[in-house]
Structures are given as structure tokens and as C-alpha cells.
PDB file of N, CA and C in Angstrom:
ATOM      1  N   UNK A   1     115.596  60.110  98.543  1.00  0.00           N
ATOM      2  CA  UNK A   1     116.316  59.518  99.640  1.00  0.00           C
ATOM      3  C   UNK A   1     116.391  60.525 100.775  1.00  0.00           C
ATOM      4  N   UNK A   2     116.182  60.085 101.968  1.00  0.00           N
ATOM      5  CA  UNK A   2     116.224  60.954 103.136  1.00  0.00           C
ATOM      6  C   UNK A   2     117.534  60.782 103.881  1.00  0.00           C
ATOM      7  N   UNK A   3     117.994  61.879 104.469  1.00  0.00           N
ATOM      8  CA  UNK A   3     119.185  61.874 105.302  1.00  0.00           C
ATOM      9  C   UNK A   3     118.757  62.313 106.687  1.00  0.00           C
ATOM     10  N   UNK A   4     119.166  61.595 107.686  1.00  0.00           N
ATOM     11  CA  UNK A   4     118.817  61.955 109.054  1.00  0.00           C
ATOM     12  C   UNK A   4     119.853  62.957 109.550  1.00  0.00           C
ATOM     13  N   UNK A   5     119.383  64.113 110.046  1.00  0.00           N
ATOM     14  CA  UNK A   5     120.278  65.161 110.524  1.00  0.00           C
ATOM     15  C   UNK A   5     119.757  65.697 111.847  1.00  0.00           C
ATOM     16  N   UNK A   6     120.664  66.129 112.665  1.00  0.00           N
ATOM     17  CA  UNK A   6     120.292  66.736 113.941  1.00  0.00           C
ATOM     18  C   UNK A   6     120.426  68.246 113.796  1.00  0.00           C
ATOM     19  N   UNK A   7     119.380  68.980 114.174  1.00  0.00           N
ATOM     20  CA  UNK A   7     119.419  70.439 114.073  1.00  0.00           C
ATOM     21  C   UNK A   7     119.009  71.045 115.409  1.00  0.00           C
ATOM     22  N   UNK A   8     119.380  72.294 115.611  1.00  0.00           N
ATOM     23  CA  UNK A   8     118.968  73.028 116.807  1.00  0.00           C
ATOM     24  C   UNK A   8     118.066  74.169 116.380  1.00  0.00           C
ATOM     25  N   UNK A   9     116.950  74.325 117.088  1.00  0.00           N
ATOM     26  CA  UNK A   9     116.028  75.428 116.833  1.00  0.00           C
ATOM     27  C   UNK A   9     115.668  76.065 118.170  1.00  0.00           C
ATOM     28  N   UNK A  10     115.161  77.282 118.109  1.00  0.00           N
ATOM     29  CA  UNK A  10     114.783  77.977 119.340  1.00  0.00           C
ATOM     30  C   UNK A  10     113.498  77.382 119.905  1.00  0.00           C
ATOM     31  N   UNK A  11     113.216  77.715 121.146  1.00  0.00           N
ATOM     32  CA  UNK A  11     111.972  77.256 121.767  1.00  0.00           C
ATOM     33  C   UNK A  11     110.755  77.752 120.990  1.00  0.00           C
ATOM     34  N   UNK A  12     110.815  79.007 120.515  1.00  0.00           N
ATOM     35  CA  UNK A  12     109.692  79.557 119.750  1.00  0.00           C
ATOM     36  C   UNK A  12     109.509  78.821 118.432  1.00  0.00           C
ATOM     37  N   UNK A  13     110.607  78.510 117.763  1.00  0.00           N
ATOM     38  CA  UNK A  13     110.522  77.773 116.505  1.00  0.00           C
ATOM     39  C   UNK A  13     109.959  76.377 116.733  1.00  0.00           C
ATOM     40  N   UNK A  14     110.387  75.735 117.814  1.00  0.00           N
ATOM     41  CA  UNK A  14     109.886  74.405 118.138  1.00  0.00           C
ATOM     42  C   UNK A  14     108.385  74.448 118.409  1.00  0.00           C
ATOM     43  N   UNK A  15     107.961  75.424 119.201  1.00  0.00           N
ATOM     44  CA  UNK A  15     106.533  75.536 119.525  1.00  0.00           C
ATOM     45  C   UNK A  15     105.714  75.795 118.263  1.00  0.00           C
ATOM     46  N   UNK A  16     106.223  76.661 117.407  1.00  0.00           N
ATOM     47  CA  UNK A  16     105.516  76.982 116.167  1.00  0.00           C
ATOM     48  C   UNK A  16     105.415  75.747 115.269  1.00  0.00           C
ATOM     49  N   UNK A  17     106.529  75.046 115.100  1.00  0.00           N
ATOM     50  CA  UNK A  17     106.540  73.852 114.245  1.00  0.00           C
ATOM     51  C   UNK A  17     105.604  72.782 114.797  1.00  0.00           C
ATOM     52  N   UNK A  18     105.638  72.571 116.101  1.00  0.00           N
ATOM     53  CA  UNK A  18     104.755  71.567 116.712  1.00  0.00           C
ATOM     54  C   UNK A  18     103.288  71.959 116.555  1.00  0.00           C
ATOM     55  N   UNK A  19     102.986  73.250 116.632  1.00  0.00           N
ATOM     56  CA  UNK A  19     101.607  73.726 116.450  1.00  0.00           C
ATOM     57  C   UNK A  19     101.145  73.459 115.017  1.00  0.00           C
ATOM     58  N   UNK A  20     102.030  73.667 114.051  1.00  0.00           N
ATOM     59  CA  UNK A  20     101.680  73.379 112.656  1.00  0.00           C
ATOM     60  C   UNK A  20     101.332  71.908 112.468  1.00  0.00           C
ATOM     61  N   UNK A  21     102.098  71.034 113.117  1.00  0.00           N
ATOM     62  CA  UNK A  21     101.823  69.593 113.038  1.00  0.00           C
ATOM     63  C   UNK A  21     100.523  69.281 113.769  1.00  0.00           C
ATOM     64  N   UNK A  22     100.374  69.835 114.963  1.00  0.00           N
ATOM     65  CA  UNK A  22      99.167  69.600 115.773  1.00  0.00           C
ATOM     66  C   UNK A  22      97.904  70.044 115.037  1.00  0.00           C
ATOM     67  N   UNK A  23      97.997  71.165 114.317  1.00  0.00           N
ATOM     68  CA  UNK A  23      96.841  71.693 113.581  1.00  0.00           C
ATOM     69  C   UNK A  23      96.594  70.962 112.265  1.00  0.00           C
ATOM     70  N   UNK A  24      97.465  70.013 111.939  1.00  0.00           N
ATOM     71  CA  UNK A  24      97.256  69.207 110.744  1.00  0.00           C
ATOM     72  C   UNK A  24      97.813  69.791 109.460  1.00  0.00           C
ATOM     73  N   UNK A  25      98.605  70.856 109.572  1.00  0.00           N
ATOM     74  CA  UNK A  25      99.193  71.454 108.365  1.00  0.00           C
ATOM     75  C   UNK A  25     100.324  70.593 107.802  1.00  0.00           C
ATOM     76  N   UNK A  26     100.998  69.875 108.688  1.00  0.00           N
ATOM     77  CA  UNK A  26     102.097  68.991 108.292  1.00  0.00           C
ATOM     78  C   UNK A  26     101.969  67.688 109.060  1.00  0.00           C
ATOM     79  N   UNK A  27     102.548  66.622 108.499  1.00  0.00           N
ATOM     80  CA  UNK A  27     102.486  65.307 109.137  1.00  0.00           C
ATOM     81  C   UNK A  27     103.509  65.150 110.255  1.00  0.00           C
ATOM     82  N   UNK A  28     104.620  65.890 110.155  1.00  0.00           N
ATOM     83  CA  UNK A  28     105.687  65.716 111.145  1.00  0.00           C
ATOM     84  C   UNK A  28     106.551  66.967 111.210  1.00  0.00           C
ATOM     85  N   UNK A  29     107.402  67.010 112.246  1.00  0.00           N
ATOM     86  CA  UNK A  29     108.356  68.119 112.350  1.00  0.00           C
ATOM     87  C   UNK A  29     109.319  68.108 111.169  1.00  0.00           C
ATOM     88  N   UNK A  30     109.680  66.928 110.707  1.00  0.00           N
ATOM     89  CA  UNK A  30     110.560  66.830 109.533  1.00  0.00           C
ATOM     90  C   UNK A  30     109.918  67.485 108.318  1.00  0.00           C
ATOM     91  N   UNK A  31     108.623  67.278 108.142  1.00  0.00           N
ATOM     92  CA  UNK A  31     107.914  67.901 107.016  1.00  0.00           C
ATOM     93  C   UNK A  31     107.968  69.423 107.113  1.00  0.00           C
ATOM     94  N   UNK A  32     107.829  69.947 108.330  1.00  0.00           N
ATOM     95  CA  UNK A  32     107.883  71.403 108.527  1.00  0.00           C
ATOM     96  C   UNK A  32     109.255  71.927 108.118  1.00  0.00           C
ATOM     97  N   UNK A  33     110.313  71.282 108.596  1.00  0.00           N
ATOM     98  CA  UNK A  33     111.676  71.719 108.286  1.00  0.00           C
ATOM     99  C   UNK A  33     111.959  71.581 106.791  1.00  0.00           C
ATOM    100  N   UNK A  34     111.544  70.474 106.186  1.00  0.00           N
ATOM    101  CA  UNK A  34     111.761  70.275 104.749  1.00  0.00           C
ATOM    102  C   UNK A  34     111.060  71.357 103.935  1.00  0.00           C
ATOM    103  N   UNK A  35     109.838  71.681 104.324  1.00  0.00           N
ATOM    104  CA  UNK A  35     109.099  72.723 103.602  1.00  0.00           C
ATOM    105  C   UNK A  35     109.803  74.074 103.760  1.00  0.00           C
ATOM    106  N   UNK A  36     110.278  74.361 104.968  1.00  0.00           N
ATOM    107  CA  UNK A  36     111.013  75.608 105.196  1.00  0.00           C
ATOM    108  C   UNK A  36     112.253  75.700 104.332  1.00  0.00           C
ATOM    109  N   UNK A  37     112.996  74.611 104.228  1.00  0.00           N
ATOM    110  CA  UNK A  37     114.196  74.600 103.386  1.00  0.00           C
ATOM    111  C   UNK A  37     113.840  74.765 101.911  1.00  0.00           C
ATOM    112  N   UNK A  38     112.749  74.139 101.483  1.00  0.00           N
ATOM    113  CA  UNK A  38     112.299  74.311 100.094  1.00  0.00           C
ATOM    114  C   UNK A  38     111.973  75.775  99.810  1.00  0.00           C
ATOM    115  N   UNK A  39     111.335  76.447 100.771  1.00  0.00           N
ATOM    116  CA  UNK A  39     111.000  77.863 100.589  1.00  0.00           C
ATOM    117  C   UNK A  39     112.256  78.727 100.502  1.00  0.00           C
ATOM    118  N   UNK A  40     113.252  78.440 101.334  1.00  0.00           N
ATOM    119  CA  UNK A  40     114.514  79.186 101.283  1.00  0.00           C
ATOM    120  C   UNK A  40     115.199  78.964  99.937  1.00  0.00           C
ATOM    121  N   UNK A  41     115.193  77.717  99.451  1.00  0.00           N
ATOM    122  CA  UNK A  41     115.793  77.418  98.140  1.00  0.00           C
ATOM    123  C   UNK A  41     115.091  78.193  97.034  1.00  0.00           C
ATOM    124  N   UNK A  42     113.748  78.188  97.052  1.00  0.00           N
ATOM    125  CA  UNK A  42     112.978  78.920  96.037  1.00  0.00           C
ATOM    126  C   UNK A  42     113.277  80.409  96.100  1.00  0.00           C
ATOM    127  N   UNK A  43     113.317  80.961  97.301  1.00  0.00           N
ATOM    128  CA  UNK A  43     113.592  82.391  97.464  1.00  0.00           C
ATOM    129  C   UNK A  43     114.970  82.739  96.913  1.00  0.00           C
ATOM    130  N   UNK A  44     115.942  81.887  97.178  1.00  0.00           N
ATOM    131  CA  UNK A  44     117.299  82.108  96.687  1.00  0.00           C
ATOM    132  C   UNK A  44     117.336  82.055  95.163  1.00  0.00           C
ATOM    133  N   UNK A  45     116.667  81.076  94.586  1.00  0.00           N
ATOM    134  CA  UNK A  45     116.640  80.963  93.126  1.00  0.00           C
ATOM    135  C   UNK A  45     115.925  82.151  92.506  1.00  0.00           C
ATOM    136  N   UNK A  46     114.816  82.577  93.092  1.00  0.00           N
ATOM    137  CA  UNK A  46     114.087  83.722  92.561  1.00  0.00           C
ATOM    138  C   UNK A  46     114.934  84.980  92.668  1.00  0.00           C
ATOM    139  N   UNK A  47     115.648  85.146  93.775  1.00  0.00           N
ATOM    140  CA  UNK A  47     116.493  86.324  93.943  1.00  0.00           C
ATOM    141  C   UNK A  47     117.561  86.367  92.859  1.00  0.00           C
ATOM    142  N   UNK A  48     118.172  85.227  92.578  1.00  0.00           N
ATOM    143  CA  UNK A  48     119.188  85.168  91.528  1.00  0.00           C
ATOM    144  C   UNK A  48     118.570  85.482  90.174  1.00  0.00           C
ATOM    145  N   UNK A  49     117.390  84.940  89.909  1.00  0.00           N
ATOM    146  CA  UNK A  49     116.701  85.205  88.645  1.00  0.00           C
ATOM    147  C   UNK A  49     116.306  86.662  88.520  1.00  0.00           C
ATOM    148  N   UNK A  50     115.828  87.247  89.612  1.00  0.00           N
ATOM    149  CA  UNK A  50     115.456  88.662  89.603  1.00  0.00           C
ATOM    150  C   UNK A  50     116.675  89.535  89.330  1.00  0.00           C
ATOM    151  N   UNK A  51     117.792  89.197  89.957  1.00  0.00           N
ATOM    152  CA  UNK A  51     119.016  89.972  89.773  1.00  0.00           C
ATOM    153  C   UNK A  51     119.470  89.896  88.312  1.00  0.00           C
ATOM    154  N   UNK A  52     119.421  88.704  87.742  1.00  0.00           N
ATOM    155  CA  UNK A  52     119.820  88.542  86.338  1.00  0.00           C
ATOM    156  C   UNK A  52     118.897  89.328  85.416  1.00  0.00           C
ATOM    157  N   UNK A  53     117.602  89.301  85.705  1.00  0.00           N
ATOM    158  CA  UNK A  53     116.642  90.045  84.885  1.00  0.00           C
ATOM    159  C   UNK A  53     116.889  91.542  85.001  1.00  0.00           C
ATOM    160  N   UNK A  54     117.200  92.013  86.206  1.00  0.00           N
ATOM    161  CA  UNK A  54     117.462  93.436  86.407  1.00  0.00           C
ATOM    162  C   UNK A  54     118.714  93.874  85.660  1.00  0.00           C
ATOM    163  N   UNK A  55     119.758  93.072  85.725  1.00  0.00           N
ATOM    164  CA  UNK A  55     120.990  93.396  84.998  1.00  0.00           C
ATOM    165  C   UNK A  55     120.712  93.452  83.501  1.00  0.00           C
ATOM    166  N   UNK A  56     119.943  92.503  82.982  1.00  0.00           N
ATOM    167  CA  UNK A  56     119.607  92.491  81.555  1.00  0.00           C
ATOM    168  C   UNK A  56     118.815  93.738  81.181  1.00  0.00           C
ATOM    169  N   UNK A  57     117.852  94.118  82.029  1.00  0.00           N
ATOM    170  CA  UNK A  57     117.051  95.312  81.760  1.00  0.00           C
ATOM    171  C   UNK A  57     117.919  96.564  81.779  1.00  0.00           C
ATOM    172  N   UNK A  58     118.791  96.681  82.769  1.00  0.00           N
ATOM    173  CA  UNK A  58     119.672  97.852  82.847  1.00  0.00           C
ATOM    174  C   UNK A  58     120.597  97.926  81.640  1.00  0.00           C
ATOM    175  N   UNK A  59     121.141  96.784  81.228  1.00  0.00           N
ATOM    176  CA  UNK A  59     122.008  96.778  80.044  1.00  0.00           C
ATOM    177  C   UNK A  59     121.236  97.196  78.801  1.00  0.00           C
ATOM    178  N   UNK A  60     120.009  96.702  78.683  1.00  0.00           N
ATOM    179  CA  UNK A  60     119.168  97.073  77.540  1.00  0.00           C
ATOM    180  C   UNK A  60     118.899  98.575  77.541  1.00  0.00           C
ATOM    181  N   UNK A  61     118.593  99.113  78.711  1.00  0.00           N
ATOM    182  CA  UNK A  61     118.312 100.549  78.806  1.00  0.00           C
ATOM    183  C   UNK A  61     119.552 101.383  78.509  1.00  0.00           C
ATOM    184  N   UNK A  62     120.718 100.929  78.981  1.00  0.00           N
ATOM    185  CA  UNK A  62     121.948 101.689  78.747  1.00  0.00           C
ATOM    186  C   UNK A  62     122.317 101.692  77.272  1.00  0.00           C
ATOM    187  N   UNK A  63     121.961 100.637  76.557  1.00  0.00           N
ATOM    188  CA  UNK A  63     122.263 100.556  75.131  1.00  0.00           C
ATOM    189  C   UNK A  63     121.258 101.334  74.287  1.00  0.00           C
ATOM    190  N   UNK A  64     120.135 101.702  74.876  1.00  0.00           N
ATOM    191  CA  UNK A  64     119.072 102.371  74.136  1.00  0.00           C
ATOM    192  C   UNK A  64     119.257 103.881  74.069  1.00  0.00           C
ATOM    193  N   UNK A  65     118.231 104.527  73.565  1.00  0.00           N
ATOM    194  CA  UNK A  65     118.231 105.975  73.384  1.00  0.00           C
ATOM    195  C   UNK A  65     118.226 106.680  74.739  1.00  0.00           C
ATOM    196  N   UNK A  66     119.051 107.730  74.867  1.00  0.00           N
ATOM    197  CA  UNK A  66     119.045 108.537  76.079  1.00  0.00           C
ATOM    198  C   UNK A  66     117.951 109.585  75.954  1.00  0.00           C
ATOM    199  N   UNK A  67     117.130 109.686  76.972  1.00  0.00           N
ATOM    200  CA  UNK A  67     116.040 110.659  76.978  1.00  0.00           C
ATOM    201  C   UNK A  67     116.226 111.550  78.196  1.00  0.00           C
ATOM    202  N   UNK A  68     116.243 112.857  77.966  1.00  0.00           N
ATOM    203  CA  UNK A  68     116.390 113.786  79.087  1.00  0.00           C
ATOM    204  C   UNK A  68     115.139 113.746  79.955  1.00  0.00           C
ATOM    205  N   UNK A  69     115.255 114.264  81.152  1.00  0.00           N
ATOM    206  CA  UNK A  69     114.116 114.309  82.057  1.00  0.00           C
ATOM    207  C   UNK A  69     113.000 115.153  81.441  1.00  0.00           C
ATOM    208  N   UNK A  70     113.365 116.234  80.810  1.00  0.00           N
ATOM    209  CA  UNK A  70     112.369 117.104  80.173  1.00  0.00           C
ATOM    210  C   UNK A  70     111.620 116.353  79.068  1.00  0.00           C
ATOM    211  N   UNK A  71     112.357 115.634  78.226  1.00  0.00           N
ATOM    212  CA  UNK A  71     111.733 114.868  77.144  1.00  0.00           C
ATOM    213  C   UNK A  71     110.875 113.743  77.710  1.00  0.00           C
ATOM    214  N   UNK A  72     111.357 113.112  78.760  1.00  0.00           N
ATOM    215  CA  UNK A  72     110.592 112.044  79.395  1.00  0.00           C
ATOM    216  C   UNK A  72     109.264 112.573  79.923  1.00  0.00           C
ATOM    217  N   UNK A  73     109.292 113.714  80.583  1.00  0.00           N
ATOM    218  CA  UNK A  73     108.055 114.318  81.097  1.00  0.00           C
ATOM    219  C   UNK A  73     107.105 114.667  79.956  1.00  0.00           C
ATOM    220  N   UNK A  74     107.653 115.193  78.862  1.00  0.00           N
ATOM    221  CA  UNK A  74     106.827 115.545  77.714  1.00  0.00           C
ATOM    222  C   UNK A  74     106.145 114.301  77.142  1.00  0.00           C
ATOM    223  N   UNK A  75     106.903 113.207  77.036  1.00  0.00           N
ATOM    224  CA  UNK A  75     106.337 111.965  76.499  1.00  0.00           C
ATOM    225  C   UNK A  75     105.246 111.401  77.417  1.00  0.00           C
ATOM    226  N   UNK A  76     105.494 111.438  78.711  1.00  0.00           N
ATOM    227  CA  UNK A  76     104.493 110.937  79.662  1.00  0.00           C
ATOM    228  C   UNK A  76     103.235 111.782  79.583  1.00  0.00           C
ATOM    229  N   UNK A  77     103.391 113.097  79.547  1.00  0.00           N
ATOM    230  CA  UNK A  77     102.234 113.989  79.455  1.00  0.00           C
ATOM    231  C   UNK A  77     101.462 113.734  78.164  1.00  0.00           C
ATOM    232  N   UNK A  78     102.168 113.491  77.089  1.00  0.00           N
ATOM    233  CA  UNK A  78     101.527 113.193  75.812  1.00  0.00           C
ATOM    234  C   UNK A  78     100.718 111.896  75.900  1.00  0.00           C
ATOM    235  N   UNK A  79     101.267 110.876  76.563  1.00  0.00           N
ATOM    236  CA  UNK A  79     100.538 109.611  76.731  1.00  0.00           C
ATOM    237  C   UNK A  79      99.295 109.813  77.592  1.00  0.00           C
ATOM    238  N   UNK A  80      99.431 110.621  78.636  1.00  0.00           N
ATOM    239  CA  UNK A  80      98.284 110.896  79.513  1.00  0.00           C
ATOM    240  C   UNK A  80      97.179 111.587  78.731  1.00  0.00           C
ATOM    241  N   UNK A  81      97.536 112.592  77.961  1.00  0.00           N
ATOM    242  CA  UNK A  81      96.542 113.325  77.165  1.00  0.00           C
ATOM    243  C   UNK A  81      95.879 112.413  76.140  1.00  0.00           C
ATOM    244  N   UNK A  82      96.657 111.549  75.504  1.00  0.00           N
ATOM    245  CA  UNK A  82      96.090 110.623  74.520  1.00  0.00           C
ATOM    246  C   UNK A  82      95.090 109.680  75.186  1.00  0.00           C
ATOM    247  N   UNK A  83      95.417 109.170  76.357  1.00  0.00           N
ATOM    248  CA  UNK A  83      94.497 108.276  77.071  1.00  0.00           C
ATOM    249  C   UNK A  83      93.254 109.012  77.548  1.00  0.00           C
ATOM    250  N   UNK A  84      93.410 110.255  77.932  1.00  0.00           N
ATOM    251  CA  UNK A  84      92.235 111.038  78.342  1.00  0.00           C
ATOM    252  C   UNK A  84      91.266 111.194  77.174  1.00  0.00           C
ATOM    253  N   UNK A  85      91.805 111.425  75.991  1.00  0.00           N
ATOM    254  CA  UNK A  85      90.951 111.559  74.810  1.00  0.00           C
ATOM    255  C   UNK A  85      90.257 110.232  74.499  1.00  0.00           C
ATOM    256  N   UNK A  86      91.008 109.151  74.583  1.00  0.00           N
ATOM    257  CA  UNK A  86      90.444 107.827  74.294  1.00  0.00           C
ATOM    258  C   UNK A  86      89.295 107.505  75.233  1.00  0.00           C
ATOM    259  N   UNK A  87      89.471 107.808  76.516  1.00  0.00           N
ATOM    260  CA  UNK A  87      88.475 107.445  77.526  1.00  0.00           C
ATOM    261  C   UNK A  87      87.523 108.585  77.877  1.00  0.00           C
ATOM    262  N   UNK A  88      87.632 109.689  77.155  1.00  0.00           N
ATOM    263  CA  UNK A  88      86.718 110.809  77.362  1.00  0.00           C
ATOM    264  C   UNK A  88      86.857 111.464  78.726  1.00  0.00           C
ATOM    265  N   UNK A  89      88.045 111.595  79.196  1.00  0.00           N
ATOM    266  CA  UNK A  89      88.281 112.206  80.515  1.00  0.00           C
ATOM    267  C   UNK A  89      88.718 113.645  80.399  1.00  0.00           C
TER     268      UNK A  89
END
């Protein structure tokens, strides 16, 4: 179901939207605005999902083993050396 709404946009936004319609990317100015709103909705949902994933990862890391910077460097160097041997580098 569609709802008719009146919106205000800048001259640049109007020119850009009309060019998109003129070039055949969209059927109407309404299509341009609807697509823009869909993109904002998707971005908002992804941002929320990303934030939740980051919080989960941080919680997982905080609950895990603490590794000092020195130990971390040693482990990374060990992985690098192992890969060099595997690939003959």
C-alpha cells in the first residue's frame, strides 16, 4: 500500500533524482525516494547487527584466555615461521 507524502529536498537533490529518472535508472521520483529510504533502512539494520556482533565478539574475548603482548607476538611469529616452511619461503 502506498501513502502519499509531501517532502522537501534541495535543488541539487531534485536535479540528481530527476537525472536518475531521465537516464532510465528509475521510473519516477517516487521510486528514487523509496529506494533511498530502503537503503537507509538497510544501513540502519546492518549497523545494529554489526554492533551486536561486535559486542558478542568482545564478550567472548573478555571471557577467554588473557595473552600478553609479548606472548601474542611470539605466537604470531611462530605462525609466520610455520607458514614460511609450508610454502618454502
